[in-house]
Amino acid sequence: MQSAGNIKHALLAHSATDQFLIKNYDQLQAIMSHASLGIGSVSGAWSKHLTQIEETLRQIDECDCVGDNGGLLHGA
């Protein structure tokens, strides 16, 4: 019982911010979980986008339709 009292006393000694975090822990955990999923989704989409850009640039590099001055050759 004394351990429980010590823990309660330690929790009550914390600042208002700590109390807020302790009181809303479950909700904050859910928010962080959803944020993590969102970040993962965005990261995956961004990676796919960059891969598509890389492929487009590779195709342009292999194409003979780009002139020495960097402009497109008409009729190529």
N, C-alpha and C. Protein backbone atom coordinates (compact mmCIF):
# COMPACT_ATOMS: atom_id res chain seq x y z
N MET A 1 0.82 -1.20 0.00
CA MET A 1 0.00 0.00 0.00
C MET A 1 0.86 1.26 0.00
N GLN A 2 1.98 1.18 0.65
CA GLN A 2 2.83 2.35 0.71
C GLN A 2 3.38 2.69 -0.67
N SER A 3 3.65 1.66 -1.48
CA SER A 3 4.14 1.91 -2.84
C SER A 3 3.09 2.66 -3.67
N ALA A 4 1.84 2.24 -3.53
CA ALA A 4 0.75 2.91 -4.25
C ALA A 4 0.65 4.36 -3.80
N GLY A 5 0.79 4.61 -2.52
CA GLY A 5 0.74 5.97 -2.01
C GLY A 5 1.90 6.81 -2.53
N ASN A 6 3.08 6.20 -2.62
CA ASN A 6 4.25 6.91 -3.15
C ASN A 6 4.05 7.28 -4.62
N ILE A 7 3.47 6.34 -5.38
CA ILE A 7 3.22 6.60 -6.81
C ILE A 7 2.19 7.72 -6.96
N LYS A 8 1.11 7.65 -6.17
CA LYS A 8 0.08 8.69 -6.24
C LYS A 8 0.67 10.05 -5.88
N HIS A 9 1.48 10.09 -4.85
CA HIS A 9 2.11 11.34 -4.42
C HIS A 9 3.04 11.87 -5.52
N ALA A 10 3.78 10.97 -6.16
CA ALA A 10 4.69 11.39 -7.24
C ALA A 10 3.90 11.95 -8.42
N LEU A 11 2.77 11.32 -8.74
CA LEU A 11 1.95 11.81 -9.85
C LEU A 11 1.33 13.16 -9.54
N LEU A 12 0.90 13.35 -8.31
CA LEU A 12 0.29 14.62 -7.93
C LEU A 12 1.31 15.75 -7.88
N ALA A 13 2.56 15.41 -7.71
CA ALA A 13 3.61 16.43 -7.63
C ALA A 13 4.00 16.96 -9.01
N HIS A 14 3.57 16.31 -10.05
CA HIS A 14 3.93 16.74 -11.40
C HIS A 14 3.20 18.03 -11.79
N SER A 15 3.71 18.67 -12.82
CA SER A 15 3.14 19.93 -13.28
C SER A 15 1.80 19.69 -13.99
N ALA A 16 1.15 20.77 -14.34
CA ALA A 16 -0.14 20.69 -15.04
C ALA A 16 0.01 19.99 -16.39
N THR A 17 1.12 20.21 -17.06
CA THR A 17 1.36 19.56 -18.35
C THR A 17 1.43 18.06 -18.18
N ASP A 18 2.14 17.62 -17.17
CA ASP A 18 2.24 16.19 -16.89
C ASP A 18 0.87 15.60 -16.59
N GLN A 19 0.09 16.31 -15.80
CA GLN A 19 -1.25 15.84 -15.47
C GLN A 19 -2.11 15.72 -16.73
N PHE A 20 -1.98 16.70 -17.63
CA PHE A 20 -2.72 16.65 -18.88
C PHE A 20 -2.33 15.41 -19.69
N LEU A 21 -1.03 15.15 -19.78
CA LEU A 21 -0.54 13.99 -20.53
C LEU A 21 -1.02 12.69 -19.91
N ILE A 22 -0.97 12.61 -18.60
CA ILE A 22 -1.42 11.40 -17.91
C ILE A 22 -2.92 11.20 -18.11
N LYS A 23 -3.69 12.27 -17.96
CA LYS A 23 -5.16 12.19 -18.07
C LYS A 23 -5.59 11.82 -19.49
N ASN A 24 -4.89 12.33 -20.49
CA ASN A 24 -5.30 12.14 -21.89
C ASN A 24 -4.38 11.18 -22.65
N TYR A 25 -3.71 10.30 -21.93
CA TYR A 25 -2.73 9.40 -22.54
C TYR A 25 -3.35 8.58 -23.68
N ASP A 26 -4.50 7.96 -23.46
CA ASP A 26 -5.13 7.11 -24.47
C ASP A 26 -5.46 7.89 -25.74
N GLN A 27 -6.02 9.07 -25.57
CA GLN A 27 -6.37 9.89 -26.73
C GLN A 27 -5.11 10.35 -27.47
N LEU A 28 -4.10 10.75 -26.74
CA LEU A 28 -2.84 11.18 -27.36
C LEU A 28 -2.17 10.02 -28.10
N GLN A 29 -2.26 8.84 -27.53
CA GLN A 29 -1.69 7.66 -28.18
C GLN A 29 -2.43 7.38 -29.49
N ALA A 30 -3.74 7.51 -29.51
CA ALA A 30 -4.52 7.30 -30.73
C ALA A 30 -4.15 8.34 -31.79
N ILE A 31 -4.00 9.59 -31.37
CA ILE A 31 -3.62 10.66 -32.31
C ILE A 31 -2.26 10.36 -32.91
N MET A 32 -1.31 9.97 -32.07
CA MET A 32 0.04 9.67 -32.56
C MET A 32 0.03 8.47 -33.50
N SER A 33 -0.82 7.50 -33.22
CA SER A 33 -0.93 6.33 -34.09
C SER A 33 -1.44 6.72 -35.46
N HIS A 34 -2.49 7.56 -35.50
CA HIS A 34 -3.04 8.01 -36.78
C HIS A 34 -2.05 8.89 -37.52
N ALA A 35 -1.33 9.73 -36.79
CA ALA A 35 -0.33 10.59 -37.42
C ALA A 35 0.78 9.74 -38.02
N SER A 36 1.16 8.70 -37.33
CA SER A 36 2.20 7.80 -37.83
C SER A 36 1.74 7.12 -39.12
N LEU A 37 0.50 6.69 -39.15
CA LEU A 37 -0.04 6.08 -40.38
C LEU A 37 -0.03 7.08 -41.53
N GLY A 38 -0.43 8.32 -41.23
CA GLY A 38 -0.44 9.36 -42.26
C GLY A 38 0.94 9.64 -42.79
N ILE A 39 1.91 9.72 -41.90
CA ILE A 39 3.29 9.97 -42.32
C ILE A 39 3.79 8.82 -43.17
N GLY A 40 3.47 7.60 -42.79
CA GLY A 40 3.87 6.44 -43.57
C GLY A 40 3.26 6.46 -44.96
N SER A 41 2.00 6.83 -45.06
CA SER A 41 1.32 6.90 -46.36
C SER A 41 1.94 7.96 -47.25
N VAL A 42 2.19 9.12 -46.68
CA VAL A 42 2.79 10.22 -47.44
C VAL A 42 4.19 9.85 -47.88
N SER A 43 4.93 9.22 -47.01
CA SER A 43 6.29 8.80 -47.34
C SER A 43 6.29 7.81 -48.50
N GLY A 44 5.37 6.87 -48.45
CA GLY A 44 5.26 5.89 -49.54
C GLY A 44 4.87 6.54 -50.86
N ALA A 45 3.92 7.45 -50.81
CA ALA A 45 3.49 8.15 -52.03
C ALA A 45 4.62 9.00 -52.60
N TRP A 46 5.35 9.69 -51.72
CA TRP A 46 6.46 10.53 -52.16
C TRP A 46 7.55 9.68 -52.80
N SER A 47 7.83 8.54 -52.22
CA SER A 47 8.84 7.64 -52.77
C SER A 47 8.43 7.16 -54.16
N LYS A 48 7.16 6.82 -54.32
CA LYS A 48 6.66 6.39 -55.63
C LYS A 48 6.77 7.53 -56.63
N HIS A 49 6.44 8.73 -56.22
CA HIS A 49 6.52 9.90 -57.09
C HIS A 49 7.96 10.13 -57.56
N LEU A 50 8.90 10.06 -56.62
CA LEU A 50 10.31 10.26 -56.98
C LEU A 50 10.81 9.16 -57.90
N THR A 51 10.34 7.94 -57.72
CA THR A 51 10.72 6.84 -58.60
C THR A 51 10.20 7.09 -60.02
N GLN A 52 8.99 7.62 -60.12
CA GLN A 52 8.43 7.94 -61.44
C GLN A 52 9.21 9.06 -62.11
N ILE A 53 9.62 10.06 -61.34
CA ILE A 53 10.43 11.15 -61.89
C ILE A 53 11.77 10.61 -62.36
N GLU A 54 12.38 9.73 -61.58
CA GLU A 54 13.65 9.13 -61.96
C GLU A 54 13.52 8.36 -63.28
N GLU A 55 12.44 7.61 -63.42
CA GLU A 55 12.21 6.86 -64.66
C GLU A 55 12.01 7.80 -65.84
N THR A 56 11.27 8.87 -65.66
CA THR A 56 11.06 9.84 -66.73
C THR A 56 12.38 10.47 -67.15
N LEU A 57 13.19 10.85 -66.18
CA LEU A 57 14.50 11.44 -66.50
C LEU A 57 15.41 10.44 -67.20
N ARG A 58 15.34 9.18 -66.81
CA ARG A 58 16.12 8.14 -67.47
C ARG A 58 15.68 7.99 -68.93
N GLN A 59 14.37 8.03 -69.17
CA GLN A 59 13.85 7.92 -70.53
C GLN A 59 14.29 9.11 -71.37
N ILE A 60 14.26 10.30 -70.79
CA ILE A 60 14.70 11.49 -71.50
C ILE A 60 16.19 11.39 -71.83
N ASP A 61 16.96 10.89 -70.88
CA ASP A 61 18.40 10.75 -71.08
C ASP A 61 18.69 9.77 -72.20
N GLU A 62 17.91 8.72 -72.33
CA GLU A 62 18.11 7.72 -73.37
C GLU A 62 17.58 8.18 -74.73
N CYS A 63 16.74 9.16 -74.74
CA CYS A 63 16.11 9.64 -75.97
C CYS A 63 17.10 10.47 -76.79
N ASP A 64 17.03 10.32 -78.10
CA ASP A 64 17.90 11.10 -79.00
C ASP A 64 17.22 12.40 -79.43
N CYS A 65 16.14 12.76 -78.78
CA CYS A 65 15.41 13.94 -79.21
C CYS A 65 15.83 15.19 -78.45
N VAL A 66 16.89 15.12 -77.68
CA VAL A 66 17.40 16.28 -76.97
C VAL A 66 18.70 16.71 -77.63
N GLY A 67 18.75 17.97 -78.05
CA GLY A 67 19.92 18.47 -78.75
C GLY A 67 21.07 18.78 -77.81
N ASP A 68 22.22 19.12 -78.37
CA ASP A 68 23.41 19.42 -77.57
C ASP A 68 23.23 20.66 -76.71
N ASN A 69 22.42 21.60 -77.15
CA ASN A 69 22.21 22.82 -76.38
C ASN A 69 21.11 22.67 -75.32
N GLY A 70 20.58 21.47 -75.18
CA GLY A 70 19.58 21.21 -74.16
C GLY A 70 18.14 21.37 -74.64
N GLY A 71 17.94 21.91 -75.86
CA GLY A 71 16.60 22.09 -76.39
C GLY A 71 16.12 20.85 -77.11
N LEU A 72 14.81 20.74 -77.26
CA LEU A 72 14.25 19.61 -77.99
C LEU A 72 14.47 19.81 -79.48
N LEU A 73 14.84 18.75 -80.15
CA LEU A 73 15.00 18.79 -81.59
C LEU A 73 13.64 18.56 -82.24
N HIS A 74 13.21 19.47 -83.07
CA HIS A 74 11.92 19.30 -83.75
C HIS A 74 12.12 18.37 -84.93
N GLY A 75 11.22 17.43 -85.07
CA GLY A 75 11.31 16.49 -86.16
C GLY A 75 12.10 15.25 -85.78
N ALA A 76 12.51 15.15 -84.54
CA ALA A 76 13.27 13.96 -84.13
C ALA A 76 12.31 12.88 -83.71
